[in-house]
């Protein structure tokens, strides 16, 4: 996607973070387990080409409900507090770094490797994983679903379409352009 190359780190200011606080997809409001049950139904109905889960709480909740994602992106924290380590056996395990408020080139490359591996993968992020939802949408095959938590609100399911990729690309382009000034 032109203009959406991750050839350098993208650093988000407070104003930029505000742009991405709005859910990128379908919001499932409420608290688990009810929210998780509705999300699981949605995932099963969609039958996505690939399922990518960003966030420790979402990973643990969906796993508890029997949903196995193709790729997990986690940082060992739930709402900035250390959580129990999410472990998935017999999958590719990739460690990377991604500072808070950033989409690092290194983390994007780790995510690319996980998605293109063709096998299950867990990307362990030293730093913060939240913003990696954006490159996950851009890198996922069309027809995929990216799930992430919306703190204190619920969970979000993003259907990966060409239009959604363009929307995410536009957000990233505007942030990159602003940082060049």
Protein backbone atom coordinates (compact mmCIF):
# COMPACT_ATOMS: atom_id res chain seq x y z
CA UNK A 1 0.00 0.00 0.00
CA UNK A 2 1.73 3.22 -1.15
CA UNK A 3 2.80 5.51 1.69
CA UNK A 4 2.35 2.75 4.24
CA UNK A 5 5.82 1.32 4.22
CA UNK A 6 7.23 0.80 7.68
CA UNK A 7 10.70 2.00 6.75
CA UNK A 8 11.11 3.94 10.00
CA UNK A 9 9.63 4.09 13.48
CA UNK A 10 6.34 6.00 13.72
CA UNK A 11 6.02 7.98 16.95
CA UNK A 12 2.56 9.05 18.08
CA UNK A 13 1.93 12.34 19.88
CA UNK A 14 -1.07 12.73 22.22
CA UNK A 15 -3.21 14.14 19.38
CA UNK A 16 -2.29 11.15 17.18
CA UNK A 17 -3.23 8.68 19.92
CA UNK A 18 -6.65 10.34 20.07
CA UNK A 19 -7.18 9.45 16.38
CA UNK A 20 -6.77 5.76 17.10
CA UNK A 21 -8.83 5.56 20.30
CA UNK A 22 -12.00 5.31 18.22
CA UNK A 23 -12.75 1.62 17.49
CA UNK A 24 -11.48 0.54 14.06
CA UNK A 25 -14.19 -2.08 13.69
CA UNK A 26 -17.21 -3.62 15.40
CA UNK A 27 -17.24 -2.80 19.12
CA UNK A 28 -18.49 -5.44 21.55
CA UNK A 29 -19.34 -3.38 24.62
CA UNK A 30 -19.50 -4.81 28.09
CA UNK A 31 -17.57 -7.08 30.38
CA UNK A 32 -16.46 -10.69 30.02
CA UNK A 33 -17.59 -13.37 29.84
CA UNK A 34 -20.71 -12.00 28.06
CA UNK A 35 -18.68 -9.76 25.73
CA UNK A 36 -16.27 -12.60 24.93
CA UNK A 37 -19.16 -14.93 24.12
CA UNK A 38 -20.58 -12.44 21.61
CA UNK A 39 -17.14 -11.90 20.12
CA UNK A 40 -16.58 -15.67 19.80
CA UNK A 41 -19.93 -16.03 17.97
CA UNK A 42 -18.92 -13.23 15.62
CA UNK A 43 -15.53 -14.83 14.88
CA UNK A 44 -17.13 -18.22 14.24
CA UNK A 45 -19.71 -16.66 11.87
CA UNK A 46 -16.99 -14.80 9.96
CA UNK A 47 -14.63 -17.76 9.64
CA UNK A 48 -11.72 -15.39 8.96
CA UNK A 49 -8.85 -16.25 6.61
CA UNK A 50 -6.54 -15.43 9.53
CA UNK A 51 -7.24 -14.38 13.12
CA UNK A 52 -4.83 -11.97 14.77
CA UNK A 53 -5.32 -11.07 18.44
CA UNK A 54 -3.57 -8.02 19.88
CA UNK A 55 -3.41 -7.79 23.67
CA UNK A 56 -2.89 -10.15 26.58
CA UNK A 57 -6.42 -9.98 28.01
CA UNK A 58 -8.03 -10.65 24.61
CA UNK A 59 -5.59 -13.52 23.99
CA UNK A 60 -6.36 -15.13 27.35
CA UNK A 61 -10.13 -14.61 27.12
CA UNK A 62 -10.44 -16.01 23.58
CA UNK A 63 -8.18 -18.97 24.41
CA UNK A 64 -10.29 -19.70 27.48
CA UNK A 65 -13.33 -19.85 25.15
CA UNK A 66 -11.59 -22.28 22.78
CA UNK A 67 -10.66 -19.79 20.05
CA UNK A 68 -7.15 -20.30 18.72
CA UNK A 69 -5.72 -17.35 16.81
CA UNK A 70 -3.14 -17.62 14.05
CA UNK A 71 -1.09 -14.77 15.51
CA UNK A 72 -1.02 -13.27 19.00
CA UNK A 73 0.67 -9.96 19.78
CA UNK A 74 1.20 -9.51 23.52
CA UNK A 75 3.32 -7.49 25.95
CA UNK A 76 2.80 -9.28 29.26
CA UNK A 77 0.56 -6.53 30.65
CA UNK A 78 -3.15 -5.85 31.05
CA UNK A 79 -3.96 -2.15 31.37
CA UNK A 80 -0.28 -1.43 32.08
CA UNK A 81 -0.05 -3.97 34.94
CA UNK A 82 2.05 -7.14 34.62
CA UNK A 83 -0.19 -10.11 33.87
CA UNK A 84 0.28 -13.86 33.79
CA UNK A 85 2.35 -14.75 30.74
CA UNK A 86 0.28 -15.98 27.82
CA UNK A 87 1.90 -19.12 26.45
CA UNK A 88 1.04 -21.10 23.35
CA UNK A 89 3.00 -24.29 22.73
CA UNK A 90 4.14 -25.58 19.34
CA UNK A 91 4.04 -22.19 17.64
CA UNK A 92 6.63 -19.79 16.35
CA UNK A 93 7.71 -17.47 19.17
CA UNK A 94 9.13 -14.09 18.22
CA UNK A 95 10.52 -11.49 20.62
CA UNK A 96 10.62 -7.85 19.62
CA UNK A 97 10.71 -4.32 21.00
CA UNK A 98 8.15 -1.58 20.61
CA UNK A 99 8.40 1.49 22.86
CA UNK A 100 5.18 3.02 24.22
CA UNK A 101 3.47 5.41 21.79
CA UNK A 102 5.39 3.95 18.85
CA UNK A 103 5.10 1.57 15.94
CA UNK A 104 8.69 0.42 15.61
CA UNK A 105 10.14 -0.91 12.38
CA UNK A 106 11.54 -3.85 14.38
CA UNK A 107 8.07 -4.80 15.75
CA UNK A 108 6.49 -4.49 12.30
CA UNK A 109 9.12 -6.85 10.89
CA UNK A 110 8.40 -9.33 13.71
CA UNK A 111 4.67 -9.09 12.93
CA UNK A 112 5.37 -9.59 9.22
CA UNK A 113 7.39 -12.72 10.02
CA UNK A 114 4.60 -14.08 12.23
CA UNK A 115 1.90 -13.48 9.61
CA UNK A 116 3.90 -14.85 6.69
CA UNK A 117 5.16 -17.91 8.62
CA UNK A 118 2.05 -19.91 7.77
CA UNK A 119 2.02 -21.43 11.24
CA UNK A 120 0.73 -20.20 14.56
CA UNK A 121 2.84 -17.49 16.18
CA UNK A 122 3.13 -15.43 19.33
CA UNK A 123 4.89 -12.08 19.10
CA UNK A 124 6.17 -11.11 22.56
CA UNK A 125 6.63 -7.34 22.73
CA UNK A 126 9.02 -5.67 25.12
CA UNK A 127 7.30 -2.31 25.48
CA UNK A 128 3.74 -1.79 24.35
CA UNK A 129 1.68 -3.71 21.79
CA UNK A 130 -1.49 -1.57 21.46
CA UNK A 131 -0.55 0.41 18.35
CA UNK A 132 0.57 -2.76 16.54
CA UNK A 133 -3.11 -3.27 15.74
CA UNK A 134 -2.62 -0.81 12.85
CA UNK A 135 0.17 -2.70 11.03
CA UNK A 136 -1.65 -5.97 11.83
CA UNK A 137 -4.61 -4.73 9.78
CA UNK A 138 -2.32 -3.62 6.94
CA UNK A 139 -0.28 -6.83 6.88
CA UNK A 140 -3.10 -9.35 7.33
CA UNK A 141 -4.55 -11.07 4.27
CA UNK A 142 -7.90 -9.78 3.04
CA UNK A 143 -10.74 -11.61 4.77
CA UNK A 144 -8.83 -11.76 8.07
CA UNK A 145 -10.01 -10.50 11.43
CA UNK A 146 -7.94 -8.50 13.90
CA UNK A 147 -9.23 -8.42 17.49
CA UNK A 148 -8.10 -6.09 20.25
CA UNK A 149 -9.36 -4.82 23.58
CA UNK A 150 -10.87 -1.39 24.11
CA UNK A 151 -9.91 -0.71 27.77
CA UNK A 152 -12.88 -0.25 30.12
CA UNK A 153 -15.28 -0.54 27.16
CA UNK A 154 -15.06 -4.00 25.57
CA UNK A 155 -13.43 -5.62 22.55
CA UNK A 156 -13.14 -4.68 18.88
CA UNK A 157 -13.22 -6.95 15.85
CA UNK A 158 -11.80 -5.49 12.63
CA UNK A 159 -12.69 -7.12 9.32
CA UNK A 160 -9.68 -6.74 7.03
CA UNK A 161 -10.96 -5.30 3.77
CA UNK A 162 -9.31 -3.15 1.13
CA UNK A 163 -11.29 -0.16 2.48
CA UNK A 164 -10.12 -0.81 6.05
CA UNK A 165 -6.51 -1.07 4.88
CA UNK A 166 -6.89 2.29 3.09
CA UNK A 167 -8.40 3.87 6.22
CA UNK A 168 -5.52 2.66 8.41
CA UNK A 169 -2.97 3.73 5.80
CA UNK A 170 -4.49 7.24 5.73
CA UNK A 171 -4.19 7.49 9.53
CA UNK A 172 -0.54 6.41 9.43
CA UNK A 173 0.30 8.71 6.51
CA UNK A 174 -1.12 11.73 8.37
CA UNK A 175 0.90 10.88 11.49
CA UNK A 176 4.11 10.35 9.50
CA UNK A 177 3.56 13.60 7.56
CA UNK A 178 3.04 15.55 10.79
CA UNK A 179 6.19 14.13 12.36
CA UNK A 180 8.26 15.24 9.32
CA UNK A 181 7.35 18.92 9.91
